[in-house]
Amino acid sequence: MTAPDTSASVVRLDGPWTHRDVAANGARFHIAEQGDGPLVLLLHGFPQFWWTWRHQLPALADAGYRAVAMDLRGVGGSDRTPRGYDPANLALDITGVIRSLGEPDAALVGHDLGGYLAWTAAVMRPKLVRRLAVASMPHPRRWRSAMVADVKQSAAGSHIWGFQRPWLPERQLVADDAAAVGRLLRDWSGPRLPEDEAVEVYRRAMCIPSTAHCSIEPYRWMVRSLARPDGFQFNRRMKRPVRVPTLHLHGSLDPVMRTRSAAGSGEYVEAPYRWRLFDGLGHFPHEEDPRAFTTELINWLKDPEPDR
C-alpha cells in the first residue's frame, strides 16, 4: 500500500529545497534536499513529517552540507507498507536511503522517534554514520528503563501506553481533521507555541489515509516487545556502544521526555559526547528556537574534535 497521489500537494511543500523519491529497503521514501557537501540526514518524530526541518535545511545548505530530510516509512510521502515498523527495520530504511543517495556515510540528526532510530542506526550500521545528533530522545536502552522503572516518565509518556489499544488511537488522531495533532503540538511545546499555519500543515499530513496507523505502529512495537523475545534481542543488540561523536539536545521544559530520562545516555557512547540543554524550550527545540538549535548543530558538525 503506497501513499495516495493526493498526498503530494500536502507533503511536497514549496521552498528552496527539491523533492524526489528514493528506493531503499524494499520501499519508496520521499525526501526533500538542498545543498552540496557532506550528507546530513534529518529524521522527523511524531506527529510530524519531513517539514519539521524546514528551518534547518537552508541553514545546513548555506553551511556547506547536503541536507536531506526524509519521511519515515508510513508517513508523509513515503510508502505505507503493512509491516516493517520495528526499530531495526526502520533503521535499515535510514541507512538504505544513505546508500541510495550515493553517499559513503551521513551525519544523522533525529528528533523524537527519529532520534530513537538514529541511535539504532548508529549501532547497527556504524560505518554509515559519521556523526550522530539526537533531540528529545534518550538512547533506546535508557528509554526502556525510564518508561518501565520511572513512574514520572511513564506518566509523561502516557500517550504511548494509550497507543496500545487497537484502532481507537488512529480514529482519535484523525477525528475533527486531526485536531488531536494540534493539541499534542501545543501541549508538548514550551512557551513558544507553534504558529497556527504550521499546525494546519501537520494536521493535513496526518489525515492522509493510513498515516495515523503507520505513525502509531512503531510505538506499539516499542511497548509490546518489552516482554517478547524480539524486544529482549533488540535491547541486547543496543548494548553495543555508539562509536561516533554524538550531540544530545534537549529542551528543559520537555513534558514528554523528562530531562532526567534523556540525561545519562552518554554511558552508551564510546566517543566524544556533548549534552546541550536548551532552557525554556519544550519537546520541539528545532522548531521552538530554530536559530539556537541550528547554530548549536552546525557549530558541532564543523568542530573537527568535538569535546566530551
Protein backbone atom coordinates (compact mmCIF):
# COMPACT_ATOMS: atom_id res chain seq x y z
CA MET A 1 0.00 0.00 0.00
CA THR A 2 1.51 3.29 -1.08
CA ALA A 3 0.75 6.91 -0.32
CA PRO A 4 -2.13 8.20 -2.45
CA ASP A 5 -1.37 10.73 -5.15
CA THR A 6 -3.49 13.30 -3.31
CA SER A 7 -0.79 13.43 -0.63
CA ALA A 8 1.66 15.17 -2.95
CA SER A 9 0.14 18.64 -2.53
CA VAL A 10 0.08 18.19 1.25
CA VAL A 11 3.61 16.83 1.60
CA ARG A 12 5.68 18.38 -1.21
CA LEU A 13 5.65 21.88 0.17
CA ASP A 14 7.43 24.62 -1.76
CA GLY A 15 10.75 26.01 -0.61
CA PRO A 16 14.41 26.31 -1.62
CA TRP A 17 14.66 22.52 -1.49
CA THR A 18 13.82 19.91 -4.14
CA HIS A 19 11.60 16.86 -3.74
CA ARG A 20 12.09 13.35 -5.04
CA ASP A 21 11.63 9.70 -4.15
CA VAL A 22 14.36 7.15 -3.47
CA ALA A 23 14.13 3.37 -3.14
CA ALA A 24 15.60 1.66 -0.08
CA ASN A 25 15.00 -1.48 1.96
CA GLY A 26 12.10 -2.62 -0.22
CA ALA A 27 10.12 0.62 -0.06
CA ARG A 28 9.97 4.10 -1.57
CA PHE A 29 10.86 7.15 0.51
CA HIS A 30 10.13 10.80 -0.12
CA ILE A 31 12.97 13.23 0.57
CA ALA A 32 13.47 16.98 0.45
CA GLU A 33 17.05 18.01 -0.22
CA GLN A 34 19.11 21.16 -0.51
CA GLY A 35 22.81 21.98 -0.86
CA ASP A 36 26.01 20.15 -1.70
CA GLY A 37 28.70 18.68 0.53
CA PRO A 38 28.85 16.02 3.23
CA LEU A 39 25.43 14.42 3.78
CA VAL A 40 23.34 15.42 6.80
CA LEU A 41 20.22 13.24 7.00
CA LEU A 42 17.35 14.65 9.09
CA LEU A 43 14.81 12.31 10.72
CA HIS A 44 11.47 13.63 11.99
CA GLY A 45 9.48 12.49 15.00
CA PHE A 46 5.80 12.11 15.90
CA PRO A 47 3.33 13.60 14.95
CA GLN A 48 5.31 15.28 12.18
CA PHE A 49 6.97 14.63 8.81
CA TRP A 50 10.00 15.96 6.90
CA TRP A 51 8.70 19.56 7.01
CA THR A 52 9.67 19.83 10.69
CA TRP A 53 13.23 20.50 9.39
CA ARG A 54 12.23 23.45 7.14
CA HIS A 55 14.41 25.85 9.17
CA GLN A 56 17.46 23.57 9.21
CA LEU A 57 17.56 22.58 5.52
CA PRO A 58 18.55 26.04 4.15
CA ALA A 59 20.89 26.74 7.06
CA LEU A 60 22.74 23.46 6.62
CA ALA A 61 22.95 24.02 2.85
CA ASP A 62 24.39 27.51 3.44
CA ALA A 63 26.93 25.97 5.82
CA GLY A 64 28.24 23.65 3.11
CA TYR A 65 26.27 20.45 3.63
CA ARG A 66 23.97 18.31 1.54
CA ALA A 67 20.90 18.48 3.76
CA VAL A 68 18.26 15.81 3.23
CA ALA A 69 15.05 15.42 5.25
CA MET A 70 13.27 12.11 4.71
CA ASP A 71 9.78 10.95 5.52
CA LEU A 72 9.93 7.82 7.63
CA ARG A 73 8.13 4.68 6.46
CA GLY A 74 4.38 5.18 6.62
CA VAL A 75 4.48 8.97 6.90
CA GLY A 76 4.34 11.96 4.56
CA GLY A 77 5.17 11.00 1.01
CA SER A 78 6.81 7.65 1.80
CA ASP A 79 5.30 4.20 1.29
CA ARG A 80 2.75 2.93 3.78
CA THR A 81 3.64 -0.74 4.00
CA PRO A 82 1.57 -3.23 6.02
CA ARG A 83 4.60 -4.31 8.08
CA GLY A 84 8.14 -3.23 8.92
CA TYR A 85 7.70 -0.74 11.79
CA ASP A 86 10.10 -2.30 14.28
CA PRO A 87 13.15 -0.10 15.01
CA ALA A 88 15.67 -2.46 13.42
CA ASN A 89 13.85 -2.37 10.08
CA LEU A 90 13.17 1.38 10.29
CA ALA A 91 16.88 1.94 10.94
CA LEU A 92 17.67 -0.09 7.82
CA ASP A 93 15.33 2.24 5.91
CA ILE A 94 17.53 5.14 7.01
CA THR A 95 20.85 3.51 6.18
CA GLY A 96 19.37 2.30 2.90
CA VAL A 97 18.50 5.87 1.98
CA ILE A 98 22.10 6.90 2.68
CA ARG A 99 23.27 4.26 0.20
CA SER A 100 20.59 5.19 -2.35
CA LEU A 101 21.79 8.79 -2.23
CA GLY A 102 25.21 7.54 -3.31
CA GLU A 103 26.92 8.70 -0.12
CA PRO A 104 29.55 6.78 1.89
CA ASP A 105 28.06 7.94 5.19
CA ALA A 106 25.93 10.62 6.84
CA ALA A 107 25.63 12.72 9.93
CA LEU A 108 22.26 11.63 11.33
CA VAL A 109 20.07 14.23 13.04
CA GLY A 110 16.98 12.74 14.66
CA HIS A 111 14.14 14.15 16.75
CA ASP A 112 11.79 12.10 18.95
CA LEU A 113 11.12 8.79 17.14
CA GLY A 114 13.67 9.87 14.51
CA GLY A 115 16.18 10.19 17.35
CA TYR A 116 15.39 6.69 18.62
CA LEU A 117 16.02 5.37 15.11
CA ALA A 118 19.20 7.44 14.73
CA TRP A 119 20.60 5.85 17.90
CA THR A 120 19.64 2.46 16.47
CA ALA A 121 21.20 3.07 13.06
CA ALA A 122 24.46 4.22 14.64
CA VAL A 123 24.69 0.89 16.48
CA MET A 124 23.51 -1.35 13.64
CA ARG A 125 25.40 0.23 10.73
CA PRO A 126 28.27 2.17 12.33
CA LYS A 127 30.23 2.53 9.08
CA LEU A 128 27.39 4.50 7.50
CA VAL A 129 27.00 7.00 10.36
CA ARG A 130 29.67 9.70 10.52
CA ARG A 131 28.17 11.63 13.41
CA LEU A 132 25.02 11.48 15.49
CA ALA A 133 22.79 14.28 16.79
CA VAL A 134 19.66 13.42 18.75
CA ALA A 135 16.98 15.76 20.12
CA SER A 136 14.31 14.96 22.72
CA MET A 137 15.01 11.24 22.90
CA PRO A 138 17.26 9.10 25.12
CA HIS A 139 19.22 6.08 23.98
CA PRO A 140 16.77 3.16 23.43
CA ARG A 141 18.04 1.24 26.45
CA ARG A 142 17.66 4.37 28.55
CA TRP A 143 14.16 4.91 27.11
CA ARG A 144 13.16 1.37 28.01
CA SER A 145 14.39 1.55 31.60
CA ALA A 146 12.84 5.01 32.17
CA MET A 147 9.43 4.04 30.79
CA VAL A 148 9.35 0.85 32.86
CA ALA A 149 11.01 1.93 36.12
CA ASP A 150 10.33 5.68 36.43
CA VAL A 151 6.72 6.43 37.40
CA LYS A 152 7.02 10.08 36.36
CA GLN A 153 8.42 9.20 32.93
CA SER A 154 5.76 6.55 32.45
CA ALA A 155 3.12 9.21 33.15
CA ALA A 156 4.83 11.72 30.84
CA GLY A 157 4.73 9.13 28.06
CA SER A 158 1.10 8.18 28.72
CA HIS A 159 0.21 8.70 25.05
CA ILE A 160 2.47 5.74 24.19
CA TRP A 161 0.58 3.46 26.57
CA GLY A 162 -2.65 4.76 25.03
CA PHE A 163 -1.44 3.79 21.56
CA GLN A 164 -1.54 0.11 22.53
CA ARG A 165 -5.30 -0.13 22.05
CA PRO A 166 -6.42 -1.37 18.62
CA TRP A 167 -7.90 1.09 16.10
CA LEU A 168 -9.18 3.67 18.60
CA PRO A 169 -5.95 5.74 18.73
CA GLU A 170 -5.95 6.06 14.93
CA ARG A 171 -9.54 7.28 14.94
CA GLN A 172 -8.82 9.76 17.72
CA LEU A 173 -5.80 11.13 15.85
CA VAL A 174 -7.73 11.95 12.67
CA ALA A 175 -11.05 12.97 14.25
CA ASP A 176 -12.14 16.55 13.53
CA ASP A 177 -9.46 16.98 10.84
CA ALA A 178 -6.72 15.70 13.17
CA ALA A 179 -7.45 18.23 15.91
CA ALA A 180 -5.54 15.95 18.32
CA VAL A 181 -2.33 16.65 16.39
CA GLY A 182 -2.73 20.37 17.10
CA ARG A 183 -3.31 19.68 20.79
CA LEU A 184 -0.20 17.50 21.02
CA LEU A 185 1.99 20.05 19.23
CA ARG A 186 0.85 22.83 21.58
CA ASP A 187 0.84 20.76 24.77
CA TRP A 188 4.34 19.42 24.14
CA SER A 189 5.88 22.78 23.25
CA GLY A 190 7.35 25.26 25.72
CA PRO A 191 6.09 28.85 25.93
CA ARG A 192 6.90 29.41 22.23
CA LEU A 193 3.84 27.76 20.73
CA PRO A 194 3.73 26.67 17.08
CA GLU A 195 2.07 29.00 14.63
CA ASP A 196 -1.46 28.12 13.57
CA GLU A 197 -0.32 27.74 9.95
CA ALA A 198 2.29 25.16 10.94
CA VAL A 199 -0.24 23.22 13.00
CA GLU A 200 -2.55 23.12 9.97
CA VAL A 201 0.23 21.60 7.84
CA TYR A 202 0.77 18.79 10.35
CA ARG A 203 -2.95 18.17 10.72
CA ARG A 204 -3.40 17.82 6.96
CA ALA A 205 -0.45 15.43 6.71
CA MET A 206 -1.87 13.19 9.46
CA CYS A 207 -5.16 12.99 7.54
CA ILE A 208 -3.53 11.28 4.55
CA PRO A 209 -5.06 7.77 4.57
CA SER A 210 -3.20 5.18 6.71
CA THR A 211 -0.78 7.77 8.15
CA ALA A 212 -2.22 7.67 11.66
CA HIS A 213 -1.98 3.87 11.79
CA CYS A 214 1.57 3.80 10.42
CA SER A 215 2.66 6.59 12.80
CA ILE A 216 1.48 4.62 15.81
CA GLU A 217 2.87 1.21 14.82
CA PRO A 218 6.49 1.89 15.94
CA TYR A 219 5.24 2.80 19.42
CA ARG A 220 3.14 -0.35 19.55
CA TRP A 221 6.26 -2.38 18.87
CA MET A 222 8.28 -0.47 21.47
CA VAL A 223 5.80 -1.36 24.22
CA ARG A 224 4.54 -4.78 23.13
CA SER A 225 8.08 -6.04 22.64
CA LEU A 226 9.06 -5.21 26.23
CA ALA A 227 8.20 -8.78 27.28
CA ARG A 228 8.82 -10.52 23.94
CA PRO A 229 11.95 -12.28 22.64
CA ASP A 230 12.36 -9.77 19.79
CA GLY A 231 12.34 -6.94 22.31
CA PHE A 232 14.94 -8.64 24.50
CA GLN A 233 17.07 -9.29 21.44
CA PHE A 234 16.85 -5.66 20.35
CA ASN A 235 17.71 -4.45 23.85
CA ARG A 236 20.78 -6.72 23.93
CA ARG A 237 21.81 -5.53 20.49
CA MET A 238 21.67 -1.93 21.67
CA LYS A 239 24.26 -2.70 24.36
CA ARG A 240 26.87 -2.21 21.67
CA PRO A 241 28.29 1.27 22.20
CA VAL A 242 27.91 4.16 19.81
CA ARG A 243 31.39 4.93 18.50
CA VAL A 244 30.83 8.21 16.65
CA PRO A 245 30.80 11.78 18.04
CA THR A 246 27.35 12.40 19.50
CA LEU A 247 25.45 15.62 20.21
CA HIS A 248 22.47 15.23 22.55
CA LEU A 249 19.99 18.11 22.55
CA HIS A 250 17.07 18.55 24.93
CA GLY A 251 14.53 21.17 25.97
CA SER A 252 14.44 21.83 29.71
CA LEU A 253 10.62 22.06 29.64
CA ASP A 254 10.02 18.91 27.58
CA PRO A 255 6.85 17.39 29.11
CA VAL A 256 7.02 14.16 27.09
CA MET A 257 10.60 13.07 27.70
CA ARG A 258 11.91 14.19 31.07
CA THR A 259 15.41 15.66 31.20
CA ARG A 260 16.29 13.07 33.81
CA SER A 261 15.29 10.30 31.39
CA ALA A 262 17.34 11.66 28.49
CA ALA A 263 20.42 12.56 30.53
CA GLY A 264 22.71 9.63 31.12
CA SER A 265 22.55 8.36 27.54
CA GLY A 266 26.24 9.20 27.28
CA GLU A 267 27.04 5.94 29.08
CA TYR A 268 26.28 4.20 25.78
CA VAL A 269 28.66 6.38 23.76
CA GLU A 270 32.36 5.49 23.47
CA ALA A 271 33.22 8.67 21.60
CA PRO A 272 33.04 12.42 22.23
CA TYR A 273 29.60 13.13 23.70
CA ARG A 274 28.14 16.62 24.13
CA TRP A 275 24.96 17.28 26.13
CA ARG A 276 23.14 20.54 25.44
CA LEU A 277 20.08 21.59 27.45
CA PHE A 278 18.00 24.45 26.00
CA ASP A 279 16.43 26.46 28.80
CA GLY A 280 12.79 27.36 28.28
CA LEU A 281 12.16 25.02 25.34
CA GLY A 282 9.87 22.02 25.15
CA HIS A 283 9.75 18.88 23.04
CA PHE A 284 10.43 20.59 19.69
CA PRO A 285 13.59 22.69 20.21
CA HIS A 286 14.40 22.74 16.47
CA GLU A 287 11.07 24.47 15.80
CA GLU A 288 10.63 26.45 19.02
CA ASP A 289 14.01 28.20 18.67
CA PRO A 290 15.38 27.20 15.26
CA ARG A 291 18.22 29.71 15.35
CA ALA A 292 19.67 28.47 18.66
CA PHE A 293 19.18 24.82 17.70
CA THR A 294 20.69 25.20 14.23
CA THR A 295 23.65 27.23 15.47
CA GLU A 296 24.46 24.55 18.04
CA LEU A 297 24.12 21.80 15.44
CA ILE A 298 26.25 23.46 12.75
CA ASN A 299 28.98 24.52 15.18
CA TRP A 300 29.21 20.93 16.38
CA LEU A 301 29.20 19.49 12.85
CA LYS A 302 32.08 21.79 11.90
CA ASP A 303 34.10 21.07 15.05
CA PRO A 304 36.88 18.65 13.99
CA GLU A 305 37.33 17.47 17.57
CA PRO A 306 34.03 17.74 19.46
CA ASP A 307 34.55 17.66 23.18
CA ARG A 308 33.46 15.03 25.62
